């Protein structure tokens, strides 16, 4: 099940196609940010966060290093560089029976990278309105 969902996710990331999130996200999706302490519930807010991430993290250095797929779950490890700071992170993704993402959790290291994401994502979220 998760294999098709992750194939769609990779195509979306490669194309930086935020509009494709409408079909990929479940209406009841929950997003767990590495810098916001409360889960963000619903498609609209999750789409906003993921769109900001597509514009912030998904630069010329971004790549997925490895992935683990099992049933309805995926763990995707990624790396990128933001303002000279090496960043390493994990996307933990769960899909529902229809193959739509219903839970998306991002974890990032090191602390310097978390602080940079906080700064850059905050600016991007403001820009996106």
Protein backbone atom coordinates (compact mmCIF):
# COMPACT_ATOMS: atom_id res chain seq x y z
CA UNK A 1 0.00 0.00 0.00
CA UNK A 2 2.60 2.58 1.06
CA UNK A 3 4.75 1.95 -2.03
CA UNK A 4 2.34 3.75 -4.39
CA UNK A 5 1.86 6.59 -1.92
CA UNK A 6 5.61 7.13 -1.63
CA UNK A 7 6.05 6.96 -5.42
CA UNK A 8 3.51 9.78 -5.68
CA UNK A 9 5.28 11.67 -2.88
CA UNK A 10 8.64 11.43 -4.66
CA UNK A 11 7.12 12.71 -7.93
CA UNK A 12 5.52 15.61 -6.04
CA UNK A 13 8.82 16.49 -4.32
CA UNK A 14 10.82 16.24 -7.55
CA UNK A 15 8.37 18.54 -9.34
CA UNK A 16 7.84 20.80 -6.29
CA UNK A 17 4.14 20.36 -7.09
CA UNK A 18 2.27 21.57 -4.01
CA UNK A 19 -1.07 21.30 -5.83
CA UNK A 20 -0.62 17.51 -5.97
CA UNK A 21 -0.95 17.51 -2.18
CA UNK A 22 -4.71 17.96 -2.58
CA UNK A 23 -5.03 14.40 -3.92
CA UNK A 24 -2.31 12.86 -1.77
CA UNK A 25 -3.40 14.09 1.67
CA UNK A 26 -6.37 12.68 3.56
CA UNK A 27 -8.87 15.23 4.85
CA UNK A 28 -8.07 14.22 8.45
CA UNK A 29 -4.27 14.26 8.03
CA UNK A 30 -2.17 15.23 11.06
CA UNK A 31 1.19 16.98 10.62
CA UNK A 32 3.89 16.85 13.30
CA UNK A 33 6.46 19.62 12.85
CA UNK A 34 9.98 19.50 14.28
CA UNK A 35 9.49 23.03 15.66
CA UNK A 36 5.79 23.26 16.60
CA UNK A 37 4.92 21.37 19.78
CA UNK A 38 1.28 20.62 18.93
CA UNK A 39 0.09 18.39 16.08
CA UNK A 40 -1.39 20.34 13.18
CA UNK A 41 -4.71 18.76 12.18
CA UNK A 42 -6.37 18.87 8.79
CA UNK A 43 -5.54 19.05 5.12
CA UNK A 44 -5.35 22.84 4.82
CA UNK A 45 -2.73 23.40 7.54
CA UNK A 46 -0.75 20.31 6.53
CA UNK A 47 -0.69 21.46 2.92
CA UNK A 48 0.53 24.89 4.06
CA UNK A 49 3.41 23.39 6.08
CA UNK A 50 4.41 20.94 3.35
CA UNK A 51 4.25 23.66 0.69
CA UNK A 52 6.54 25.83 2.81
CA UNK A 53 8.90 22.87 3.21
CA UNK A 54 8.94 22.28 -0.56
CA UNK A 55 10.13 25.86 -1.02
CA UNK A 56 12.52 25.91 1.96
CA UNK A 57 14.13 22.49 2.36
CA UNK A 58 13.83 21.19 -1.20
CA UNK A 59 16.80 23.05 -2.65
CA UNK A 60 19.66 21.90 -4.90
CA UNK A 61 21.19 19.97 -1.96
CA UNK A 62 18.05 18.06 -0.98
CA UNK A 63 18.00 14.30 -1.45
CA UNK A 64 16.45 11.26 0.12
CA UNK A 65 19.25 9.02 1.38
CA UNK A 66 17.23 5.90 2.26
CA UNK A 67 13.74 4.67 2.92
CA UNK A 68 11.99 1.91 4.80
CA UNK A 69 8.51 0.87 3.64
CA UNK A 70 6.26 -1.51 5.54
CA UNK A 71 2.49 -1.92 5.23
CA UNK A 72 1.01 1.56 5.64
CA UNK A 73 4.21 3.12 7.02
CA UNK A 74 7.27 4.75 5.50
CA UNK A 75 10.41 6.27 6.99
CA UNK A 76 12.34 8.46 4.56
CA UNK A 77 15.72 9.85 5.60
CA UNK A 78 16.73 13.09 3.90
CA UNK A 79 19.67 15.47 3.82
CA UNK A 80 20.03 19.05 2.66
CA UNK A 81 22.02 22.22 3.38
CA UNK A 82 20.44 25.47 4.59
CA UNK A 83 22.66 28.55 4.73
CA UNK A 84 25.74 26.35 5.08
CA UNK A 85 24.21 24.17 7.81
CA UNK A 86 24.14 20.43 7.11
CA UNK A 87 20.72 19.06 7.94
CA UNK A 88 19.65 15.46 8.41
CA UNK A 89 16.02 14.53 8.85
CA UNK A 90 13.36 11.87 8.74
CA UNK A 91 9.86 11.95 7.28
CA UNK A 92 7.63 9.38 8.98
CA UNK A 93 4.55 8.86 6.82
CA UNK A 94 1.42 6.77 7.33
CA UNK A 95 -1.26 6.24 4.70
CA UNK A 96 -4.87 5.20 5.06
CA UNK A 97 -6.67 2.38 3.20
CA UNK A 98 -7.11 4.68 0.17
CA UNK A 99 -3.37 5.38 -0.05
CA UNK A 100 -3.73 8.95 1.18
CA UNK A 101 -1.32 10.33 3.75
CA UNK A 102 -3.10 10.63 7.11
CA UNK A 103 -0.07 11.21 9.35
CA UNK A 104 3.18 13.02 8.51
CA UNK A 105 5.92 13.52 11.12
CA UNK A 106 9.20 15.33 10.51
CA UNK A 107 12.25 14.99 12.76
CA UNK A 108 15.44 16.99 12.16
CA UNK A 109 18.95 17.16 13.57
CA UNK A 110 21.21 18.83 14.68
CA UNK A 111 19.84 21.62 16.88
CA UNK A 112 21.48 24.28 14.70
CA UNK A 113 19.48 22.92 11.74
CA UNK A 114 16.23 22.89 13.74
CA UNK A 115 16.78 26.55 14.59
CA UNK A 116 17.49 27.39 10.94
CA UNK A 117 14.32 25.56 9.83
CA UNK A 118 12.33 27.48 12.43
CA UNK A 119 13.64 30.77 11.06
CA UNK A 120 13.27 29.92 7.35
CA UNK A 121 9.93 28.11 7.59
CA UNK A 122 8.50 30.96 9.65
CA UNK A 123 9.43 33.41 6.92
CA UNK A 124 8.03 31.14 4.20
CA UNK A 125 4.76 30.55 6.07
CA UNK A 126 4.34 34.33 6.41
CA UNK A 127 4.99 34.72 2.69
CA UNK A 128 2.46 32.01 1.78
CA UNK A 129 -0.08 33.82 3.96
